[in-house]
Amino acid sequence: SGRTFTAYAMGWFRQAPGKDREFVAAISWSGGRIYYADSVKGRF
């Protein structure tokens, strides 16, 4: 898009069959803050 990429935090969610959508990982606009779901820490 024409928007500035660094204006946004970016992340990933997932939804398995029959389950609710859940948070996986997120990164701040600067890359300085990163968060992971416990289920993927150390692997993703």
PDB file of all heavy atoms in Angstrom:
ATOM      1  N   SER A   1       0.859  -1.171   0.000  1.00  0.00           N
ATOM      2  CA  SER A   1       0.000   0.000   0.000  1.00  0.00           C
ATOM      3  C   SER A   1       0.901   1.228   0.000  1.00  0.00           C
ATOM      4  O   SER A   1       2.109   1.123   0.084  1.00  0.00           O
ATOM      5  CB  SER A   1      -0.913   0.037   1.209  1.00  0.00           C
ATOM      6  OG  SER A   1      -0.190   0.423   2.343  1.00  0.00           O
ATOM      7  N   GLY A   2       0.279   2.373  -0.039  1.00  0.00           N
ATOM      8  CA  GLY A   2       1.062   3.584   0.003  1.00  0.00           C
ATOM      9  C   GLY A   2       1.402   4.014   1.405  1.00  0.00           C
ATOM     10  O   GLY A   2       2.065   5.030   1.600  1.00  0.00           O
ATOM     11  N   ARG A   3       0.939   3.215   2.396  1.00  0.00           N
ATOM     12  CA  ARG A   3       1.184   3.585   3.775  1.00  0.00           C
ATOM     13  C   ARG A   3       2.627   3.292   4.166  1.00  0.00           C
ATOM     14  O   ARG A   3       3.301   2.477   3.556  1.00  0.00           O
ATOM     15  CB  ARG A   3       0.240   2.797   4.699  1.00  0.00           C
ATOM     16  CG  ARG A   3      -1.226   2.987   4.368  1.00  0.00           C
ATOM     17  CD  ARG A   3      -1.707   4.387   4.649  1.00  0.00           C
ATOM     18  NE  ARG A   3      -3.122   4.536   4.337  1.00  0.00           N
ATOM     19  CZ  ARG A   3      -4.085   4.326   5.213  1.00  0.00           C
ATOM     20  NH1 ARG A   3      -3.774   3.981   6.447  1.00  0.00           N
ATOM     21  NH2 ARG A   3      -5.334   4.470   4.860  1.00  0.00           N
ATOM     22  N   THR A   4       3.062   3.939   5.188  1.00  0.00           N
ATOM     23  CA  THR A   4       4.415   3.740   5.680  1.00  0.00           C
ATOM     24  C   THR A   4       4.480   2.469   6.511  1.00  0.00           C
ATOM     25  O   THR A   4       3.782   2.344   7.506  1.00  0.00           O
ATOM     26  CB  THR A   4       4.850   4.936   6.544  1.00  0.00           C
ATOM     27  OG1 THR A   4       4.734   6.121   5.757  1.00  0.00           O
ATOM     28  CG2 THR A   4       6.290   4.757   6.997  1.00  0.00           C
ATOM     29  N   PHE A   5       5.341   1.535   6.092  1.00  0.00           N
ATOM     30  CA  PHE A   5       5.460   0.247   6.770  1.00  0.00           C
ATOM     31  C   PHE A   5       5.805   0.419   8.231  1.00  0.00           C
ATOM     32  O   PHE A   5       5.279  -0.273   9.099  1.00  0.00           O
ATOM     33  CB  PHE A   5       6.528  -0.586   6.042  1.00  0.00           C
ATOM     34  CG  PHE A   5       6.729  -1.962   6.592  1.00  0.00           C
ATOM     35  CD1 PHE A   5       5.696  -2.889   6.593  1.00  0.00           C
ATOM     36  CD2 PHE A   5       7.959  -2.355   7.108  1.00  0.00           C
ATOM     37  CE1 PHE A   5       5.884  -4.169   7.088  1.00  0.00           C
ATOM     38  CE2 PHE A   5       8.154  -3.633   7.600  1.00  0.00           C
ATOM     39  CZ  PHE A   5       7.114  -4.536   7.590  1.00  0.00           C
ATOM     40  N   THR A   6       6.671   1.370   8.515  1.00  0.00           N
ATOM     41  CA  THR A   6       7.130   1.523   9.894  1.00  0.00           C
ATOM     42  C   THR A   6       6.097   2.193  10.781  1.00  0.00           C
ATOM     43  O   THR A   6       6.327   2.359  11.968  1.00  0.00           O
ATOM     44  CB  THR A   6       8.442   2.315   9.941  1.00  0.00           C
ATOM     45  OG1 THR A   6       8.273   3.544   9.223  1.00  0.00           O
ATOM     46  CG2 THR A   6       9.587   1.535   9.309  1.00  0.00           C
ATOM     47  N   ALA A   7       4.944   2.541  10.226  1.00  0.00           N
ATOM     48  CA  ALA A   7       3.884   3.105  11.057  1.00  0.00           C
ATOM     49  C   ALA A   7       3.108   2.010  11.784  1.00  0.00           C
ATOM     50  O   ALA A   7       2.290   2.323  12.649  1.00  0.00           O
ATOM     51  CB  ALA A   7       2.932   3.922  10.209  1.00  0.00           C
ATOM     52  N   TYR A   8       3.359   0.754  11.432  1.00  0.00           N
ATOM     53  CA  TYR A   8       2.548  -0.327  11.958  1.00  0.00           C
ATOM     54  C   TYR A   8       3.357  -1.375  12.692  1.00  0.00           C
ATOM     55  O   TYR A   8       4.441  -1.760  12.266  1.00  0.00           O
ATOM     56  CB  TYR A   8       1.805  -1.027  10.811  1.00  0.00           C
ATOM     57  CG  TYR A   8       0.845  -0.128  10.094  1.00  0.00           C
ATOM     58  CD1 TYR A   8       1.229   0.534   8.937  1.00  0.00           C
ATOM     59  CD2 TYR A   8      -0.434   0.073  10.580  1.00  0.00           C
ATOM     60  CE1 TYR A   8       0.364   1.375   8.283  1.00  0.00           C
ATOM     61  CE2 TYR A   8      -1.312   0.911   9.928  1.00  0.00           C
ATOM     62  CZ  TYR A   8      -0.914   1.558   8.784  1.00  0.00           C
ATOM     63  OH  TYR A   8      -1.777   2.398   8.140  1.00  0.00           O
ATOM     64  N   ALA A   9       2.782  -1.842  13.792  1.00  0.00           N
ATOM     65  CA  ALA A   9       3.247  -3.091  14.373  1.00  0.00           C
ATOM     66  C   ALA A   9       2.691  -4.216  13.497  1.00  0.00           C
ATOM     67  O   ALA A   9       1.602  -4.091  12.941  1.00  0.00           O
ATOM     68  CB  ALA A   9       2.734  -3.237  15.800  1.00  0.00           C
ATOM     69  N   MET A  10       3.445  -5.278  13.379  1.00  0.00           N
ATOM     70  CA  MET A  10       3.046  -6.394  12.528  1.00  0.00           C
ATOM     71  C   MET A  10       2.991  -7.668  13.358  1.00  0.00           C
ATOM     72  O   MET A  10       3.733  -7.812  14.348  1.00  0.00           O
ATOM     73  CB  MET A  10       4.046  -6.571  11.387  1.00  0.00           C
ATOM     74  CG  MET A  10       4.239  -5.354  10.513  1.00  0.00           C
ATOM     75  SD  MET A  10       2.777  -4.929   9.557  1.00  0.00           S
ATOM     76  CE  MET A  10       2.672  -6.346   8.461  1.00  0.00           C
ATOM     77  N   GLY A  11       2.149  -8.577  12.938  1.00  0.00           N
ATOM     78  CA  GLY A  11       2.052  -9.807  13.708  1.00  0.00           C
ATOM     79  C   GLY A  11       1.436 -10.948  12.934  1.00  0.00           C
ATOM     80  O   GLY A  11       1.028 -10.790  11.776  1.00  0.00           O
ATOM     81  N   TRP A  12       1.406 -12.082  13.607  1.00  0.00           N
ATOM     82  CA  TRP A  12       0.813 -13.288  13.040  1.00  0.00           C
ATOM     83  C   TRP A  12      -0.161 -13.898  14.044  1.00  0.00           C
ATOM     84  O   TRP A  12       0.129 -13.966  15.246  1.00  0.00           O
ATOM     85  CB  TRP A  12       1.891 -14.318  12.706  1.00  0.00           C
ATOM     86  CG  TRP A  12       2.805 -13.890  11.604  1.00  0.00           C
ATOM     87  CD1 TRP A  12       3.985 -13.213  11.733  1.00  0.00           C
ATOM     88  CD2 TRP A  12       2.623 -14.108  10.201  1.00  0.00           C
ATOM     89  NE1 TRP A  12       4.539 -12.990  10.495  1.00  0.00           N
ATOM     90  CE2 TRP A  12       3.733 -13.532   9.539  1.00  0.00           C
ATOM     91  CE3 TRP A  12       1.640 -14.728   9.434  1.00  0.00           C
ATOM     92  CZ2 TRP A  12       3.874 -13.563   8.147  1.00  0.00           C
ATOM     93  CZ3 TRP A  12       1.778 -14.766   8.061  1.00  0.00           C
ATOM     94  CH2 TRP A  12       2.888 -14.188   7.427  1.00  0.00           C
ATOM     95  N   PHE A  13      -1.282 -14.336  13.507  1.00  0.00           N
ATOM     96  CA  PHE A  13      -2.263 -15.101  14.262  1.00  0.00           C
ATOM     97  C   PHE A  13      -2.501 -16.405  13.505  1.00  0.00           C
ATOM     98  O   PHE A  13      -2.139 -16.530  12.340  1.00  0.00           O
ATOM     99  CB  PHE A  13      -3.573 -14.325  14.379  1.00  0.00           C
ATOM    100  CG  PHE A  13      -3.505 -13.177  15.340  1.00  0.00           C
ATOM    101  CD1 PHE A  13      -2.798 -12.021  15.025  1.00  0.00           C
ATOM    102  CD2 PHE A  13      -4.141 -13.236  16.566  1.00  0.00           C
ATOM    103  CE1 PHE A  13      -2.717 -10.961  15.910  1.00  0.00           C
ATOM    104  CE2 PHE A  13      -4.079 -12.180  17.460  1.00  0.00           C
ATOM    105  CZ  PHE A  13      -3.367 -11.046  17.125  1.00  0.00           C
ATOM    106  N   ARG A  14      -3.127 -17.350  14.160  1.00  0.00           N
ATOM    107  CA  ARG A  14      -3.465 -18.593  13.467  1.00  0.00           C
ATOM    108  C   ARG A  14      -4.798 -19.116  13.968  1.00  0.00           C
ATOM    109  O   ARG A  14      -5.233 -18.819  15.079  1.00  0.00           O
ATOM    110  CB  ARG A  14      -2.377 -19.642  13.668  1.00  0.00           C
ATOM    111  CG  ARG A  14      -2.226 -20.153  15.092  1.00  0.00           C
ATOM    112  CD  ARG A  14      -1.023 -21.084  15.198  1.00  0.00           C
ATOM    113  NE  ARG A  14      -0.868 -21.627  16.539  1.00  0.00           N
ATOM    114  CZ  ARG A  14       0.165 -22.378  16.920  1.00  0.00           C
ATOM    115  NH1 ARG A  14       1.146 -22.683  16.057  1.00  0.00           N
ATOM    116  NH2 ARG A  14       0.236 -22.838  18.162  1.00  0.00           N
ATOM    117  N   GLN A  15      -5.428 -19.910  13.110  1.00  0.00           N
ATOM    118  CA  GLN A  15      -6.692 -20.525  13.477  1.00  0.00           C
ATOM    119  C   GLN A  15      -6.691 -21.956  12.994  1.00  0.00           C
ATOM    120  O   GLN A  15      -6.645 -22.223  11.780  1.00  0.00           O
ATOM    121  CB  GLN A  15      -7.881 -19.767  12.879  1.00  0.00           C
ATOM    122  CG  GLN A  15      -9.219 -20.275  13.359  1.00  0.00           C
ATOM    123  CD  GLN A  15     -10.355 -19.325  13.025  1.00  0.00           C
ATOM    124  OE1 GLN A  15     -10.236 -18.459  12.156  1.00  0.00           O
ATOM    125  NE2 GLN A  15     -11.477 -19.478  13.725  1.00  0.00           N
ATOM    126  N   ALA A  16      -6.720 -22.867  13.942  1.00  0.00           N
ATOM    127  CA  ALA A  16      -6.780 -24.291  13.628  1.00  0.00           C
ATOM    128  C   ALA A  16      -8.234 -24.699  13.438  1.00  0.00           C
ATOM    129  O   ALA A  16      -9.146 -24.036  13.944  1.00  0.00           O
ATOM    130  CB  ALA A  16      -6.151 -25.088  14.762  1.00  0.00           C
ATOM    131  N   PRO A  17      -8.467 -25.796  12.727  1.00  0.00           N
ATOM    132  CA  PRO A  17      -9.854 -26.245  12.505  1.00  0.00           C
ATOM    133  C   PRO A  17     -10.601 -26.441  13.829  1.00  0.00           C
ATOM    134  O   PRO A  17     -10.102 -27.094  14.750  1.00  0.00           O
ATOM    135  CB  PRO A  17      -9.663 -27.576  11.781  1.00  0.00           C
ATOM    136  CG  PRO A  17      -8.348 -27.455  11.097  1.00  0.00           C
ATOM    137  CD  PRO A  17      -7.491 -26.645  12.032  1.00  0.00           C
ATOM    138  N   GLY A  18     -11.766 -25.842  13.907  1.00  0.00           N
ATOM    139  CA  GLY A  18     -12.592 -26.003  15.092  1.00  0.00           C
ATOM    140  C   GLY A  18     -12.163 -25.195  16.294  1.00  0.00           C
ATOM    141  O   GLY A  18     -12.724 -25.337  17.385  1.00  0.00           O
ATOM    142  N   LYS A  19     -11.165 -24.337  16.122  1.00  0.00           N
ATOM    143  CA  LYS A  19     -10.667 -23.555  17.250  1.00  0.00           C
ATOM    144  C   LYS A  19     -10.752 -22.065  16.945  1.00  0.00           C
ATOM    145  O   LYS A  19     -10.891 -21.653  15.802  1.00  0.00           O
ATOM    146  CB  LYS A  19      -9.219 -23.939  17.569  1.00  0.00           C
ATOM    147  CG  LYS A  19      -9.063 -25.367  18.064  1.00  0.00           C
ATOM    148  CD  LYS A  19      -7.649 -25.623  18.529  1.00  0.00           C
ATOM    149  CE  LYS A  19      -7.493 -27.023  19.099  1.00  0.00           C
ATOM    150  NZ  LYS A  19      -6.108 -27.284  19.569  1.00  0.00           N
ATOM    151  N   ASP A  20     -10.659 -21.266  17.991  1.00  0.00           N
ATOM    152  CA  ASP A  20     -10.651 -19.820  17.823  1.00  0.00           C
ATOM    153  C   ASP A  20      -9.301 -19.354  17.288  1.00  0.00           C
ATOM    154  O   ASP A  20      -8.272 -20.029  17.476  1.00  0.00           O
ATOM    155  CB  ASP A  20     -10.926 -19.130  19.161  1.00  0.00           C
ATOM    156  CG  ASP A  20     -12.340 -19.355  19.651  1.00  0.00           C
ATOM    157  OD1 ASP A  20     -13.226 -19.594  18.820  1.00  0.00           O
ATOM    158  OD2 ASP A  20     -12.543 -19.288  20.886  1.00  0.00           O
ATOM    159  N   ARG A  21      -9.317 -18.222  16.675  1.00  0.00           N
ATOM    160  CA  ARG A  21      -8.080 -17.604  16.223  1.00  0.00           C
ATOM    161  C   ARG A  21      -7.233 -17.235  17.456  1.00  0.00           C
ATOM    162  O   ARG A  21      -7.782 -16.788  18.464  1.00  0.00           O
ATOM    163  CB  ARG A  21      -8.377 -16.360  15.404  1.00  0.00           C
ATOM    164  CG  ARG A  21      -7.161 -15.699  14.768  1.00  0.00           C
ATOM    165  CD  ARG A  21      -7.614 -14.657  13.766  1.00  0.00           C
ATOM    166  NE  ARG A  21      -8.475 -13.670  14.359  1.00  0.00           N
ATOM    167  CZ  ARG A  21      -9.229 -12.815  13.673  1.00  0.00           C
ATOM    168  NH1 ARG A  21      -9.199 -12.857  12.347  1.00  0.00           N
ATOM    169  NH2 ARG A  21      -9.975 -11.933  14.291  1.00  0.00           N
ATOM    170  N   GLU A  22      -5.922 -17.430  17.353  1.00  0.00           N
ATOM    171  CA  GLU A  22      -5.061 -17.145  18.492  1.00  0.00           C
ATOM    172  C   GLU A  22      -3.814 -16.386  18.057  1.00  0.00           C
ATOM    173  O   GLU A  22      -3.338 -16.502  16.920  1.00  0.00           O
ATOM    174  CB  GLU A  22      -4.647 -18.438  19.201  1.00  0.00           C
ATOM    175  CG  GLU A  22      -3.803 -19.378  18.359  1.00  0.00           C
ATOM    176  CD  GLU A  22      -3.346 -20.603  19.146  1.00  0.00           C
ATOM    177  OE1 GLU A  22      -3.716 -20.771  20.309  1.00  0.00           O
ATOM    178  OE2 GLU A  22      -2.584 -21.408  18.554  1.00  0.00           O
ATOM    179  N   PHE A  23      -3.288 -15.626  18.989  1.00  0.00           N
ATOM    180  CA  PHE A  23      -2.071 -14.860  18.765  1.00  0.00           C
ATOM    181  C   PHE A  23      -0.874 -15.794  18.653  1.00  0.00           C
ATOM    182  O   PHE A  23      -0.774 -16.774  19.396  1.00  0.00           O
ATOM    183  CB  PHE A  23      -1.868 -13.894  19.940  1.00  0.00           C
ATOM    184  CG  PHE A  23      -0.530 -13.236  19.984  1.00  0.00           C
ATOM    185  CD1 PHE A  23      -0.230 -12.198  19.130  1.00  0.00           C
ATOM    186  CD2 PHE A  23       0.433 -13.666  20.883  1.00  0.00           C
ATOM    187  CE1 PHE A  23       1.013 -11.594  19.178  1.00  0.00           C
ATOM    188  CE2 PHE A  23       1.668 -13.068  20.942  1.00  0.00           C
ATOM    189  CZ  PHE A  23       1.960 -12.016  20.087  1.00  0.00           C
ATOM    190  N   VAL A  24       0.041 -15.472  17.725  1.00  0.00           N
ATOM    191  CA  VAL A  24       1.268 -16.248  17.563  1.00  0.00           C
ATOM    192  C   VAL A  24       2.492 -15.407  17.900  1.00  0.00           C
ATOM    193  O   VAL A  24       3.300 -15.779  18.746  1.00  0.00           O
ATOM    194  CB  VAL A  24       1.396 -16.796  16.127  1.00  0.00           C
ATOM    195  CG1 VAL A  24       2.737 -17.513  15.943  1.00  0.00           C
ATOM    196  CG2 VAL A  24       0.239 -17.725  15.800  1.00  0.00           C
ATOM    197  N   ALA A  25       2.631 -14.260  17.217  1.00  0.00           N
ATOM    198  CA  ALA A  25       3.819 -13.425  17.421  1.00  0.00           C
ATOM    199  C   ALA A  25       3.539 -12.018  16.925  1.00  0.00           C
ATOM    200  O   ALA A  25       2.684 -11.822  16.046  1.00  0.00           O
ATOM    201  CB  ALA A  25       5.024 -14.002  16.689  1.00  0.00           C
ATOM    202  N   ALA A  26       4.266 -11.051  17.484  1.00  0.00           N
ATOM    203  CA  ALA A  26       4.121  -9.662  17.065  1.00  0.00           C
ATOM    204  C   ALA A  26       5.448  -8.942  17.198  1.00  0.00           C
ATOM    205  O   ALA A  26       6.269  -9.284  18.063  1.00  0.00           O
ATOM    206  CB  ALA A  26       3.048  -8.948  17.879  1.00  0.00           C
ATOM    207  N   ILE A  27       5.635  -7.936  16.351  1.00  0.00           N
ATOM    208  CA  ILE A  27       6.863  -7.138  16.371  1.00  0.00           C
ATOM    209  C   ILE A  27       6.484  -5.674  16.219  1.00  0.00           C
ATOM    210  O   ILE A  27       5.624  -5.318  15.411  1.00  0.00           O
ATOM    211  CB  ILE A  27       7.825  -7.606  15.257  1.00  0.00           C
ATOM    212  CG1 ILE A  27       9.173  -6.885  15.355  1.00  0.00           C
ATOM    213  CG2 ILE A  27       7.207  -7.456  13.882  1.00  0.00           C
ATOM    214  CD1 ILE A  27      10.251  -7.509  14.465  1.00  0.00           C
ATOM    215  N   SER A  28       7.100  -4.816  17.010  1.00  0.00           N
ATOM    216  CA  SER A  28       6.784  -3.392  16.972  1.00  0.00           C
ATOM    217  C   SER A  28       7.301  -2.762  15.683  1.00  0.00           C
ATOM    218  O   SER A  28       8.075  -3.363  14.937  1.00  0.00           O
ATOM    219  CB  SER A  28       7.393  -2.692  18.182  1.00  0.00           C
ATOM    220  OG  SER A  28       8.821  -2.780  18.130  1.00  0.00           O
ATOM    221  N   TRP A  29       6.885  -1.518  15.455  1.00  0.00           N
ATOM    222  CA  TRP A  29       7.255  -0.855  14.211  1.00  0.00           C
ATOM    223  C   TRP A  29       8.767  -0.716  14.078  1.00  0.00           C
ATOM    224  O   TRP A  29       9.319  -0.761  12.982  1.00  0.00           O
ATOM    225  CB  TRP A  29       6.595   0.518  14.127  1.00  0.00           C
ATOM    226  CG  TRP A  29       7.091   1.501  15.146  1.00  0.00           C
ATOM    227  CD1 TRP A  29       6.598   1.721  16.397  1.00  0.00           C
ATOM    228  CD2 TRP A  29       8.215   2.385  15.013  1.00  0.00           C
ATOM    229  NE1 TRP A  29       7.323   2.670  17.040  1.00  0.00           N
ATOM    230  CE2 TRP A  29       8.321   3.102  16.221  1.00  0.00           C
ATOM    231  CE3 TRP A  29       9.125   2.648  13.994  1.00  0.00           C
ATOM    232  CZ2 TRP A  29       9.311   4.055  16.430  1.00  0.00           C
ATOM    233  CZ3 TRP A  29      10.105   3.602  14.204  1.00  0.00           C
ATOM    234  CH2 TRP A  29      10.196   4.286  15.420  1.00  0.00           C
ATOM    235  N   SER A  30       9.452  -0.583  15.189  1.00  0.00           N
ATOM    236  CA  SER A  30      10.906  -0.419  15.159  1.00  0.00           C
ATOM    237  C   SER A  30      11.637  -1.757  15.200  1.00  0.00           C
ATOM    238  O   SER A  30      12.850  -1.812  14.960  1.00  0.00           O
ATOM    239  CB  SER A  30      11.359   0.408  16.356  1.00  0.00           C
ATOM    240  OG  SER A  30      11.142  -0.313  17.560  1.00  0.00           O
ATOM    241  N   GLY A  31      10.909  -2.808  15.538  1.00  0.00           N
ATOM    242  CA  GLY A  31      11.554  -4.100  15.736  1.00  0.00           C
ATOM    243  C   GLY A  31      12.122  -4.282  17.117  1.00  0.00           C
ATOM    244  O   GLY A  31      12.672  -5.324  17.457  1.00  0.00           O
ATOM    245  N   GLY A  32      11.965  -3.259  17.947  1.00  0.00           N
ATOM    246  CA  GLY A  32      12.563  -3.303  19.270  1.00  0.00           C
ATOM    247  C   GLY A  32      11.793  -4.118  20.292  1.00  0.00           C
ATOM    248  O   GLY A  32      12.350  -4.520  21.325  1.00  0.00           O
ATOM    249  N   ARG A  33      10.533  -4.334  20.037  1.00  0.00           N
ATOM    250  CA  ARG A  33       9.722  -5.153  20.944  1.00  0.00           C
ATOM    251  C   ARG A  33       9.132  -6.323  20.173  1.00  0.00           C
ATOM    252  O   ARG A  33       8.548  -6.151  19.113  1.00  0.00           O
ATOM    253  CB  ARG A  33       8.607  -4.325  21.578  1.00  0.00           C
ATOM    254  CG  ARG A  33       9.082  -3.357  22.635  1.00  0.00           C
ATOM    255  CD  ARG A  33       7.907  -2.661  23.273  1.00  0.00           C
ATOM    256  NE  ARG A  33       7.260  -1.742  22.337  1.00  0.00           N
ATOM    257  CZ  ARG A  33       6.047  -1.248  22.541  1.00  0.00           C
ATOM    258  NH1 ARG A  33       5.358  -1.590  23.602  1.00  0.00           N
ATOM    259  NH2 ARG A  33       5.532  -0.406  21.658  1.00  0.00           N
ATOM    260  N   ILE A  34       9.309  -7.502  20.744  1.00  0.00           N
ATOM    261  CA  ILE A  34       8.827  -8.730  20.118  1.00  0.00           C
ATOM    262  C   ILE A  34       8.119  -9.565  21.172  1.00  0.00           C
ATOM    263  O   ILE A  34       8.600  -9.666  22.319  1.00  0.00           O
ATOM    264  CB  ILE A  34       9.990  -9.513  19.485  1.00  0.00           C
ATOM    265  CG1 ILE A  34      10.535  -8.757  18.258  1.00  0.00           C
ATOM    266  CG2 ILE A  34       9.558 -10.913  19.091  1.00  0.00           C
ATOM    267  CD1 ILE A  34      11.756  -9.386  17.629  1.00  0.00           C
ATOM    268  N   TYR A  35       7.021 -10.157  20.789  1.00  0.00           N
ATOM    269  CA  TYR A  35       6.248 -10.997  21.690  1.00  0.00           C
ATOM    270  C   TYR A  35       5.886 -12.300  20.984  1.00  0.00           C
ATOM    271  O   TYR A  35       5.642 -12.320  19.775  1.00  0.00           O
ATOM    272  CB  TYR A  35       4.957 -10.296  22.121  1.00  0.00           C
ATOM    273  CG  TYR A  35       5.179  -8.990  22.822  1.00  0.00           C
ATOM    274  CD1 TYR A  35       5.240  -7.797  22.108  1.00  0.00           C
ATOM    275  CD2 TYR A  35       5.323  -8.932  24.203  1.00  0.00           C
ATOM    276  CE1 TYR A  35       5.443  -6.586  22.751  1.00  0.00           C
ATOM    277  CE2 TYR A  35       5.520  -7.721  24.858  1.00  0.00           C
ATOM    278  CZ  TYR A  35       5.580  -6.557  24.122  1.00  0.00           C
ATOM    279  OH  TYR A  35       5.786  -5.366  24.761  1.00  0.00           O
ATOM    280  N   TYR A  36       5.842 -13.365  21.776  1.00  0.00           N
ATOM    281  CA  TYR A  36       5.455 -14.679  21.252  1.00  0.00           C
ATOM    282  C   TYR A  36       4.437 -15.332  22.180  1.00  0.00           C
ATOM    283  O   TYR A  36       4.463 -15.140  23.396  1.00  0.00           O
ATOM    284  CB  TYR A  36       6.671 -15.613  21.164  1.00  0.00           C
ATOM    285  CG  TYR A  36       7.734 -15.178  20.188  1.00  0.00           C
ATOM    286  CD1 TYR A  36       8.898 -14.559  20.628  1.00  0.00           C
ATOM    287  CD2 TYR A  36       7.581 -15.401  18.825  1.00  0.00           C
ATOM    288  CE1 TYR A  36       9.875 -14.160  19.740  1.00  0.00           C
ATOM    289  CE2 TYR A  36       8.564 -15.019  17.927  1.00  0.00           C
ATOM    290  CZ  TYR A  36       9.708 -14.386  18.388  1.00  0.00           C
ATOM    291  OH  TYR A  36      10.682 -14.004  17.505  1.00  0.00           O
ATOM    292  N   ALA A  37       3.583 -16.139  21.587  1.00  0.00           N
ATOM    293  CA  ALA A  37       2.740 -17.018  22.384  1.00  0.00           C
ATOM    294  C   ALA A  37       3.633 -18.070  23.034  1.00  0.00           C
ATOM    295  O   ALA A  37       4.644 -18.480  22.458  1.00  0.00           O
ATOM    296  CB  ALA A  37       1.690 -17.690  21.506  1.00  0.00           C
ATOM    297  N   ASP A  38       3.259 -18.503  24.214  1.00  0.00           N
ATOM    298  CA  ASP A  38       4.066 -19.496  24.921  1.00  0.00           C
ATOM    299  C   ASP A  38       4.249 -20.764  24.094  1.00  0.00           C
ATOM    300  O   ASP A  38       5.301 -21.410  24.160  1.00  0.00           O
ATOM    301  CB  ASP A  38       3.414 -19.847  26.256  1.00  0.00           C
ATOM    302  CG  ASP A  38       3.527 -18.717  27.270  1.00  0.00           C
ATOM    303  OD1 ASP A  38       4.366 -17.818  27.069  1.00  0.00           O
ATOM    304  OD2 ASP A  38       2.766 -18.731  28.250  1.00  0.00           O
ATOM    305  N   SER A  39       3.252 -21.105  23.315  1.00  0.00           N
ATOM    306  CA  SER A  39       3.283 -22.363  22.556  1.00  0.00           C
ATOM    307  C   SER A  39       4.327 -22.371  21.441  1.00  0.00           C
ATOM    308  O   SER A  39       4.675 -23.448  20.932  1.00  0.00           O
ATOM    309  CB  SER A  39       1.900 -22.650  21.971  1.00  0.00           C
ATOM    310  OG  SER A  39       1.491 -21.584  21.127  1.00  0.00           O
ATOM    311  N   VAL A  40       4.827 -21.194  21.059  1.00  0.00           N
ATOM    312  CA  VAL A  40       5.786 -21.139  19.951  1.00  0.00           C
ATOM    313  C   VAL A  40       7.145 -20.597  20.369  1.00  0.00           C
ATOM    314  O   VAL A  40       8.075 -20.566  19.540  1.00  0.00           O
ATOM    315  CB  VAL A  40       5.233 -20.320  18.767  1.00  0.00           C
ATOM    316  CG1 VAL A  40       3.875 -20.841  18.345  1.00  0.00           C
ATOM    317  CG2 VAL A  40       5.167 -18.833  19.089  1.00  0.00           C
ATOM    318  N   LYS A  41       7.277 -20.151  21.597  1.00  0.00           N
ATOM    319  CA  LYS A  41       8.550 -19.595  22.065  1.00  0.00           C
ATOM    320  C   LYS A  41       9.672 -20.609  21.893  1.00  0.00           C
ATOM    321  O   LYS A  41       9.520 -21.781  22.217  1.00  0.00           O
ATOM    322  CB  LYS A  41       8.446 -19.201  23.536  1.00  0.00           C
ATOM    323  CG  LYS A  41       7.807 -17.858  23.771  1.00  0.00           C
ATOM    324  CD  LYS A  41       7.761 -17.521  25.254  1.00  0.00           C
ATOM    325  CE  LYS A  41       7.068 -16.210  25.498  1.00  0.00           C
ATOM    326  NZ  LYS A  41       6.918 -15.921  26.951  1.00  0.00           N
ATOM    327  N   GLY A  42      10.778 -20.122  21.363  1.00  0.00           N
ATOM    328  CA  GLY A  42      11.935 -20.978  21.164  1.00  0.00           C
ATOM    329  C   GLY A  42      11.904 -21.737  19.851  1.00  0.00           C
ATOM    330  O   GLY A  42      12.911 -22.346  19.462  1.00  0.00           O
ATOM    331  N   ARG A  43      10.766 -21.710  19.164  1.00  0.00           N
ATOM    332  CA  ARG A  43      10.653 -22.416  17.881  1.00  0.00           C
ATOM    333  C   ARG A  43      10.402 -21.457  16.717  1.00  0.00           C
ATOM    334  O   ARG A  43      10.859 -21.699  15.611  1.00  0.00           O
ATOM    335  CB  ARG A  43       9.509 -23.445  17.945  1.00  0.00           C
ATOM    336  CG  ARG A  43       9.682 -24.492  19.018  1.00  0.00           C
ATOM    337  CD  ARG A  43       8.614 -25.586  18.901  1.00  0.00           C
ATOM    338  NE  ARG A  43       7.260 -25.067  19.070  1.00  0.00           N
ATOM    339  CZ  ARG A  43       6.305 -25.183  18.159  1.00  0.00           C
ATOM    340  NH1 ARG A  43       6.538 -25.785  17.004  1.00  0.00           N
ATOM    341  NH2 ARG A  43       5.080 -24.685  18.406  1.00  0.00           N
ATOM    342  N   PHE A  44       9.638 -20.391  16.977  1.00  0.00           N
ATOM    343  CA  PHE A  44       9.280 -19.429  15.935  1.00  0.00           C
ATOM    344  C   PHE A  44      10.054 -18.131  16.156  1.00  0.00           C
ATOM    345  O   PHE A  44      10.316 -17.739  17.300  1.00  0.00           O
ATOM    346  CB  PHE A  44       7.793 -19.116  15.966  1.00  0.00           C
ATOM    347  CG  PHE A  44       6.891 -20.240  15.535  1.00  0.00           C
ATOM    348  CD1 PHE A  44       7.358 -21.536  15.349  1.00  0.00           C
ATOM    349  CD2 PHE A  44       5.546 -19.984  15.300  1.00  0.00           C
ATOM    350  CE1 PHE A  44       6.507 -22.558  14.956  1.00  0.00           C
ATOM    351  CE2 PHE A  44       4.686 -20.996  14.887  1.00  0.00           C
ATOM    352  CZ  PHE A  44       5.173 -22.285  14.734  1.00  0.00           C
TER     353      PHE A  44
END
